[in-house]
Amino acid sequence: MTSPAGRRKHGRPTISDVAALAGVSAGAVSKVFNGTGRISPPTAERVREAARKLNWTPNPAAIALRTSRAQAIGLVLTSSSPVPEVGAANVGLISGIESLLSPREYGLLLNVFLTGRHDESAFYRSLAERQRMDGVILTNSVVGDTRFDLMRDLGVPAVLVGTPWKPGVVDYIDADPPSAGIPETVDHLVGLGHRDVAFVSGPAGFVLPNIRREAFTARLAHHRLTPHSISSVGYSPAAAAEETNRLLDGASPPTAILYGTDTMAIAGMRTVQSRGLRVPEDVSVVGFEGLEVGEWVDPQLTTVQRFAFQRGRAAAAKLLGLLGETIEEDVPLEKPVLIVRQSTAPPRSR
């Protein structure tokens, strides 16, 4: 991507150059110089300082033209199911985003892509070229993620829900922090007497599962234990059920299994039960997300409660801030907590 300084060698600086240097949208620059909209004083000063550095002065006609906005935020989710669907864990995220967008008359452009079968970057390019979104909220950070560079190239402000694969590539809302809940879960299971604990986590290339796998191994090492096994599968009940069967077919099955999501854990419980085994007497099961459905399965699911609604609000607040909007209300992010229910118990003696 050509820097603002590089572009000035070939012509006058533009409003986009000022926006890039200030880390805001062109619309936010417009609001600062035409006195409209809600721009926080620190953001306004950052914009004016960028304009001074670039020796840029506003063109009234151009400012008026750029003031118009799509008033829409893009969000792309991926699905491992045969047909596109919004996973249960994302419902709270979307609700949290909407809780800040709707009062400010922003719309949410939601698209759900099948994993590995759609070109996500083409979607962003299309929306940017047609000026159909002012910014984008990204999810599912992967190692070597190219979307962050794409957003910069397109001049589209972006916020990631999660942890980026390397520092400084994108504004983000740290997912919890990402390892939160893992040490507490390991301590709980070890405290019950489990020594053979397996982790059925998310896809290998995703940043968040990688961090959690490392935290899982490190916490077991703290107890002078090693994992029974760690596997990386897709975020789907079918993948979790298949991996659970593989674990139970082994010569020495685990006495406890931690899953990457609640829906995976529920599929794992059903698989255990379908083989004539009992949860938690034969196998203890722990989920990760804290979905309400966990209270309605039998046995009730022990899980790490995360706060998807809060993550959505925090992501929307950060993105609106990049667009120059002032967010006056508090947007807290609570640390995940382990909720112990009926799906965990001391292991049966072998």
Protein backbone atom coordinates (compact mmCIF):
# COMPACT_ATOMS: atom_id res chain seq x y z
CA MET A 1 0.00 0.00 0.00
CA THR A 2 1.34 3.43 -0.94
CA SER A 3 1.85 5.71 2.04
CA PRO A 4 0.28 9.18 2.19
CA ALA A 5 3.77 10.67 1.93
CA GLY A 6 4.42 8.57 -1.20
CA ARG A 7 1.24 9.79 -2.88
CA ARG A 8 2.10 13.45 -2.22
CA LYS A 9 5.10 13.17 -4.52
CA HIS A 10 2.72 12.83 -7.46
CA GLY A 11 0.01 15.31 -6.49
CA ARG A 12 -1.84 17.10 -3.75
CA PRO A 13 -2.70 15.23 -0.57
CA THR A 14 -6.28 14.03 -0.43
CA ILE A 15 -8.88 13.62 2.28
CA SER A 16 -8.12 9.88 2.15
CA ASP A 17 -4.47 10.63 2.96
CA VAL A 18 -5.53 12.63 6.01
CA ALA A 19 -7.92 9.89 7.09
CA ALA A 20 -5.22 7.21 6.75
CA LEU A 21 -2.68 9.21 8.74
CA ALA A 22 -5.21 9.98 11.48
CA GLY A 23 -6.50 6.41 11.58
CA VAL A 24 -10.12 7.37 10.87
CA SER A 25 -12.50 7.28 7.94
CA ALA A 26 -12.76 9.99 5.27
CA GLY A 27 -16.24 10.67 6.62
CA ALA A 28 -14.77 11.47 10.03
CA VAL A 29 -12.40 13.99 8.43
CA SER A 30 -15.40 15.54 6.70
CA LYS A 31 -17.24 15.87 10.01
CA VAL A 32 -14.29 17.58 11.67
CA PHE A 33 -13.96 20.23 8.98
CA ASN A 34 -17.63 20.86 8.30
CA GLY A 35 -18.61 20.80 11.98
CA THR A 36 -21.28 18.10 11.70
CA GLY A 37 -21.70 14.81 13.52
CA ARG A 38 -20.39 13.67 16.89
CA ILE A 39 -16.58 13.63 16.85
CA SER A 40 -14.70 13.30 20.13
CA PRO A 41 -12.20 16.10 20.88
CA PRO A 42 -9.16 13.75 20.83
CA THR A 43 -10.21 12.35 17.44
CA ALA A 44 -10.85 15.81 16.04
CA GLU A 45 -7.42 17.01 17.19
CA ARG A 46 -5.79 13.92 15.64
CA VAL A 47 -7.47 14.71 12.33
CA ARG A 48 -6.39 18.37 12.42
CA GLU A 49 -2.82 17.38 13.27
CA ALA A 50 -2.77 14.96 10.31
CA ALA A 51 -4.04 17.73 8.04
CA ARG A 52 -1.31 20.07 9.28
CA LYS A 53 1.40 17.47 8.72
CA LEU A 54 0.22 16.87 5.17
CA ASN A 55 -0.37 20.59 4.50
CA TRP A 56 -3.90 19.68 3.45
CA THR A 57 -6.78 22.12 3.33
CA PRO A 58 -10.35 21.04 2.72
CA ASN A 59 -12.12 21.60 -0.56
CA PRO A 60 -15.68 22.57 0.40
CA ALA A 61 -17.24 20.75 -2.54
CA ALA A 62 -15.27 17.58 -1.89
CA ILE A 63 -16.07 17.72 1.81
CA ALA A 64 -19.77 17.98 1.09
CA LEU A 65 -19.58 15.06 -1.32
CA ARG A 66 -17.72 12.79 1.11
CA THR A 67 -20.06 13.60 4.00
CA SER A 68 -22.60 11.16 2.58
CA ARG A 69 -22.25 7.71 4.11
CA ALA A 70 -23.60 4.26 3.61
CA GLN A 71 -24.47 4.21 7.35
CA ALA A 72 -23.74 0.49 7.30
CA ILE A 73 -21.21 -1.84 8.90
CA GLY A 74 -20.17 -5.14 7.30
CA LEU A 75 -19.89 -8.44 9.17
CA VAL A 76 -18.90 -11.76 7.61
CA LEU A 77 -19.31 -15.03 9.49
CA THR A 78 -18.18 -18.47 8.33
CA SER A 79 -20.13 -21.71 8.63
CA SER A 80 -18.89 -25.30 8.56
CA SER A 81 -22.40 -26.64 7.96
CA PRO A 82 -23.59 -27.90 4.56
CA VAL A 83 -25.69 -24.72 4.23
CA PRO A 84 -24.83 -21.22 5.49
CA GLU A 85 -26.09 -20.66 9.02
CA VAL A 86 -25.42 -18.33 11.94
CA GLY A 87 -23.95 -20.39 14.77
CA ALA A 88 -25.52 -20.14 18.21
CA ALA A 89 -22.43 -18.45 19.63
CA ASN A 90 -22.74 -15.61 17.08
CA VAL A 91 -26.30 -14.64 18.00
CA GLY A 92 -25.12 -12.80 21.11
CA LEU A 93 -22.29 -11.18 19.15
CA ILE A 94 -24.70 -9.82 16.54
CA SER A 95 -27.10 -8.58 19.22
CA GLY A 96 -24.26 -6.72 20.92
CA ILE A 97 -23.21 -5.07 17.67
CA GLU A 98 -26.77 -4.03 16.87
CA SER A 99 -27.27 -2.59 20.35
CA LEU A 100 -24.85 0.22 19.43
CA LEU A 101 -25.48 0.49 15.69
CA SER A 102 -29.27 0.76 15.73
CA PRO A 103 -29.57 3.82 18.02
CA ARG A 104 -27.08 5.59 15.74
CA GLU A 105 -28.99 4.62 12.58
CA TYR A 106 -26.29 2.31 11.25
CA GLY A 107 -27.31 -0.90 9.54
CA LEU A 108 -25.50 -4.26 9.70
CA LEU A 109 -24.63 -6.01 6.44
CA LEU A 110 -24.42 -9.67 7.45
CA ASN A 111 -23.10 -12.40 5.16
CA VAL A 112 -22.50 -16.04 6.09
CA PHE A 113 -20.00 -17.95 3.97
CA LEU A 114 -19.34 -21.67 3.82
CA THR A 115 -15.81 -22.42 5.03
CA GLY A 116 -13.45 -22.86 2.07
CA ARG A 117 -16.16 -22.38 -0.55
CA HIS A 118 -16.47 -18.61 -0.88
CA ASP A 119 -14.04 -15.77 -1.54
CA GLU A 120 -14.42 -13.49 1.47
CA SER A 121 -12.05 -10.87 0.06
CA ALA A 122 -14.21 -10.52 -3.06
CA PHE A 123 -17.17 -9.68 -0.84
CA TYR A 124 -15.27 -6.89 0.89
CA ARG A 125 -13.99 -5.50 -2.40
CA SER A 126 -17.49 -5.45 -3.83
CA LEU A 127 -18.97 -3.63 -0.84
CA ALA A 128 -16.11 -1.11 -0.78
CA GLU A 129 -16.30 -0.42 -4.51
CA ARG A 130 -20.04 0.14 -4.31
CA GLN A 131 -19.58 2.23 -1.15
CA ARG A 132 -22.07 0.05 0.69
CA MET A 133 -20.25 0.02 4.04
CA ASP A 134 -18.36 2.49 6.19
CA GLY A 135 -16.38 -0.12 8.15
CA VAL A 136 -16.20 -3.81 8.87
CA ILE A 137 -16.09 -6.09 11.90
CA LEU A 138 -13.88 -9.14 11.31
CA THR A 139 -14.05 -12.50 13.10
CA ASN A 140 -12.15 -15.81 13.08
CA SER A 141 -8.57 -14.58 12.96
CA VAL A 142 -6.26 -17.01 11.15
CA VAL A 143 -2.50 -17.31 10.96
CA GLY A 144 -1.25 -15.26 8.01
CA ASP A 145 -4.57 -13.40 7.72
CA THR A 146 -4.58 -11.23 4.57
CA ARG A 147 -7.84 -9.40 5.31
CA PHE A 148 -6.13 -6.72 7.38
CA ASP A 149 -3.92 -5.61 4.48
CA LEU A 150 -6.95 -5.73 2.20
CA MET A 151 -8.92 -3.42 4.48
CA ARG A 152 -6.06 -0.91 4.47
CA ASP A 153 -5.79 -1.12 0.69
CA LEU A 154 -9.51 -0.51 0.36
CA GLY A 155 -9.42 2.32 2.89
CA VAL A 156 -12.07 0.60 5.01
CA PRO A 157 -11.79 0.93 8.81
CA ALA A 158 -11.79 -2.51 10.45
CA VAL A 159 -11.95 -4.04 13.92
CA LEU A 160 -11.24 -7.69 14.69
CA VAL A 161 -13.15 -9.59 17.34
CA GLY A 162 -10.35 -11.77 18.67
CA THR A 163 -6.57 -11.76 18.67
CA PRO A 164 -4.64 -10.93 15.48
CA TRP A 165 -1.94 -13.30 14.28
CA LYS A 166 0.73 -10.66 14.84
CA PRO A 167 0.78 -7.29 16.66
CA GLY A 168 -0.04 -4.03 14.95
CA VAL A 169 -1.91 -5.34 11.93
CA VAL A 170 -5.45 -4.29 12.94
CA ASP A 171 -7.51 -2.72 15.70
CA TYR A 172 -9.04 -5.50 17.77
CA ILE A 173 -11.11 -6.52 20.76
CA ASP A 174 -9.15 -9.21 22.57
CA ALA A 175 -11.46 -12.15 22.88
CA ASP A 176 -11.26 -12.52 26.61
CA PRO A 177 -8.12 -12.57 26.82
CA PRO A 178 -8.05 -15.64 24.60
CA SER A 179 -6.60 -18.11 27.12
CA ALA A 180 -9.03 -17.12 29.88
CA GLY A 181 -11.08 -20.02 31.17
CA ILE A 182 -8.57 -22.70 30.20
CA PRO A 183 -6.52 -22.66 33.44
CA GLU A 184 -9.70 -22.66 35.53
CA THR A 185 -11.08 -25.62 33.58
CA VAL A 186 -7.87 -27.64 33.92
CA ASP A 187 -7.69 -26.85 37.64
CA HIS A 188 -11.30 -28.00 38.06
CA LEU A 189 -10.79 -31.30 36.26
CA VAL A 190 -7.46 -32.06 37.93
CA GLY A 191 -9.02 -31.17 41.27
CA LEU A 192 -11.69 -33.80 40.63
CA GLY A 193 -8.93 -36.36 40.09
CA HIS A 194 -8.71 -36.48 36.28
CA ARG A 195 -5.29 -37.29 34.85
CA ASP A 196 -6.28 -38.19 31.27
CA VAL A 197 -7.82 -35.02 29.86
CA ALA A 198 -8.36 -34.51 26.12
CA PHE A 199 -8.99 -31.25 24.27
CA VAL A 200 -11.08 -31.25 21.09
CA SER A 201 -10.36 -27.72 19.90
CA GLY A 202 -11.09 -25.63 16.82
CA PRO A 203 -9.35 -25.53 13.42
CA ALA A 204 -5.55 -25.69 13.35
CA GLY A 205 -5.07 -22.48 11.37
CA PHE A 206 -7.20 -20.30 13.64
CA VAL A 207 -5.38 -18.06 16.10
CA LEU A 208 -7.74 -18.47 19.06
CA PRO A 209 -7.68 -22.30 19.20
CA ASN A 210 -3.88 -22.19 18.90
CA ILE A 211 -3.63 -19.94 21.96
CA ARG A 212 -6.03 -22.12 23.92
CA ARG A 213 -4.17 -25.32 23.04
CA GLU A 214 -0.96 -23.78 24.34
CA ALA A 215 -2.70 -22.64 27.54
CA PHE A 216 -4.18 -26.12 28.01
CA THR A 217 -0.78 -27.79 27.76
CA ALA A 218 0.87 -25.19 29.99
CA ARG A 219 -1.73 -25.53 32.74
CA LEU A 220 -1.51 -29.32 32.75
CA ALA A 221 2.27 -28.97 32.98
CA HIS A 222 1.71 -26.78 36.03
CA HIS A 223 0.13 -29.87 37.60
CA ARG A 224 2.96 -32.04 36.26
CA LEU A 225 0.65 -33.69 33.75
CA THR A 226 0.56 -33.98 29.98
CA PRO A 227 -2.53 -33.93 27.75
CA HIS A 228 -4.18 -37.23 26.96
CA SER A 229 -4.57 -35.78 23.45
CA ILE A 230 -5.18 -32.51 21.62
CA SER A 231 -7.06 -32.49 18.33
CA SER A 232 -7.98 -29.74 15.89
CA VAL A 233 -11.31 -30.09 14.13
CA GLY A 234 -13.89 -27.82 12.52
CA TYR A 235 -16.29 -25.89 14.69
CA SER A 236 -19.20 -28.26 14.09
CA PRO A 237 -21.15 -30.88 16.06
CA ALA A 238 -20.47 -33.48 13.38
CA ALA A 239 -16.69 -33.00 13.59
CA ALA A 240 -16.83 -33.14 17.39
CA ALA A 241 -18.88 -36.36 17.33
CA GLU A 242 -16.47 -38.01 14.92
CA GLU A 243 -13.46 -37.06 17.04
CA THR A 244 -15.20 -38.23 20.21
CA ASN A 245 -15.79 -41.66 18.66
CA ARG A 246 -12.11 -41.81 17.71
CA LEU A 247 -11.06 -41.01 21.27
CA LEU A 248 -13.42 -43.58 22.78
CA ASP A 249 -12.19 -46.26 20.37
CA GLY A 250 -8.63 -45.86 21.67
CA ALA A 251 -6.96 -48.37 23.96
CA SER A 252 -7.06 -45.91 26.86
CA PRO A 253 -9.87 -43.33 26.40
CA PRO A 254 -9.75 -40.00 28.25
CA THR A 255 -11.73 -39.60 31.47
CA ALA A 256 -12.54 -35.96 30.63
CA ILE A 257 -12.89 -34.01 27.38
CA LEU A 258 -12.83 -30.24 26.89
CA TYR A 259 -14.44 -29.01 23.65
CA GLY A 260 -13.90 -25.78 21.73
CA THR A 261 -17.58 -24.77 21.84
CA ASP A 262 -20.77 -25.71 23.67
CA THR A 263 -22.39 -27.18 20.57
CA MET A 264 -19.34 -29.39 20.06
CA ALA A 265 -19.53 -30.46 23.72
CA ILE A 266 -23.24 -31.31 23.44
CA ALA A 267 -22.51 -33.41 20.36
CA GLY A 268 -19.69 -35.08 22.30
CA MET A 269 -22.02 -35.88 25.21
CA ARG A 270 -24.59 -37.38 22.88
CA THR A 271 -21.88 -39.51 21.27
CA VAL A 272 -20.66 -40.78 24.65
CA GLN A 273 -24.22 -41.66 25.67
CA SER A 274 -24.97 -43.38 22.37
CA ARG A 275 -22.19 -45.86 23.14
CA GLY A 276 -23.81 -46.91 26.40
CA LEU A 277 -21.52 -44.75 28.53
CA ARG A 278 -22.59 -42.13 31.03
CA VAL A 279 -21.70 -38.47 31.49
CA PRO A 280 -20.08 -37.67 33.88
CA GLU A 281 -19.63 -41.12 35.48
CA ASP A 282 -17.60 -42.53 32.57
CA VAL A 283 -16.51 -39.34 30.82
CA SER A 284 -16.65 -35.76 32.11
CA VAL A 285 -17.45 -33.09 29.48
CA VAL A 286 -16.75 -29.35 29.43
CA GLY A 287 -17.92 -26.84 26.81
CA PHE A 288 -16.73 -23.36 25.93
CA GLU A 289 -19.05 -20.38 25.37
CA GLY A 290 -21.72 -20.50 28.05
CA LEU A 291 -24.74 -20.81 25.76
CA GLU A 292 -28.12 -20.92 27.46
CA VAL A 293 -28.85 -24.30 25.87
CA GLY A 294 -26.24 -25.83 28.19
CA GLU A 295 -28.71 -25.54 31.05
CA TRP A 296 -31.32 -27.58 29.14
CA VAL A 297 -29.34 -30.69 28.21
CA ASP A 298 -29.03 -33.78 30.39
CA PRO A 299 -26.78 -33.61 32.25
CA GLN A 300 -26.46 -29.85 32.41
CA LEU A 301 -23.24 -28.75 30.74
CA THR A 302 -20.22 -27.49 32.65
CA THR A 303 -18.88 -24.65 30.50
CA VAL A 304 -16.70 -21.56 30.32
CA GLN A 305 -19.06 -18.60 30.22
CA ARG A 306 -17.95 -16.01 27.71
CA PHE A 307 -19.87 -12.83 27.00
CA ALA A 308 -20.64 -12.63 23.30
CA PHE A 309 -23.03 -9.69 23.67
CA GLN A 310 -20.31 -7.65 25.36
CA ARG A 311 -17.77 -8.56 22.67
CA GLY A 312 -20.19 -7.36 20.00
CA ARG A 313 -20.81 -4.07 21.79
CA ALA A 314 -17.09 -3.52 22.33
CA ALA A 315 -16.29 -4.20 18.67
CA ALA A 316 -19.03 -1.86 17.50
CA ALA A 317 -17.88 0.86 19.91
CA LYS A 318 -14.29 0.65 18.69
CA LEU A 319 -15.31 0.73 15.03
CA LEU A 320 -17.71 3.65 15.54
CA GLY A 321 -14.85 5.44 17.28
CA LEU A 322 -12.68 4.94 14.19
CA LEU A 323 -15.50 6.47 12.18
CA GLY A 324 -15.44 9.53 14.41
CA GLU A 325 -18.54 8.77 16.48
CA THR A 326 -18.52 9.50 20.20
CA ILE A 327 -19.56 6.59 22.43
CA GLU A 328 -20.62 7.98 25.77
CA GLU A 329 -21.86 4.84 27.53
CA ASP A 330 -19.57 2.30 29.18
CA VAL A 331 -18.81 -0.83 27.15
CA PRO A 332 -17.41 -3.38 29.66
CA LEU A 333 -15.71 -6.67 28.82
CA GLU A 334 -15.96 -9.26 31.58
CA LYS A 335 -13.42 -12.03 31.97
CA PRO A 336 -14.80 -15.52 31.19
CA VAL A 337 -15.76 -17.66 34.15
CA LEU A 338 -16.10 -21.41 34.60
CA ILE A 339 -19.66 -22.52 35.37
CA VAL A 340 -19.64 -25.93 37.03
CA ARG A 341 -22.77 -27.98 36.40
CA GLN A 342 -23.57 -31.69 36.20
CA SER A 343 -21.40 -32.88 33.28
CA THR A 344 -18.20 -33.10 35.36
CA ALA A 345 -17.44 -35.38 38.30
CA PRO A 346 -14.54 -37.44 39.72
CA PRO A 347 -13.37 -40.17 37.32
CA ARG A 348 -14.42 -43.77 37.80
CA SER A 349 -11.59 -45.93 39.13
CA ARG A 350 -9.90 -47.97 36.41
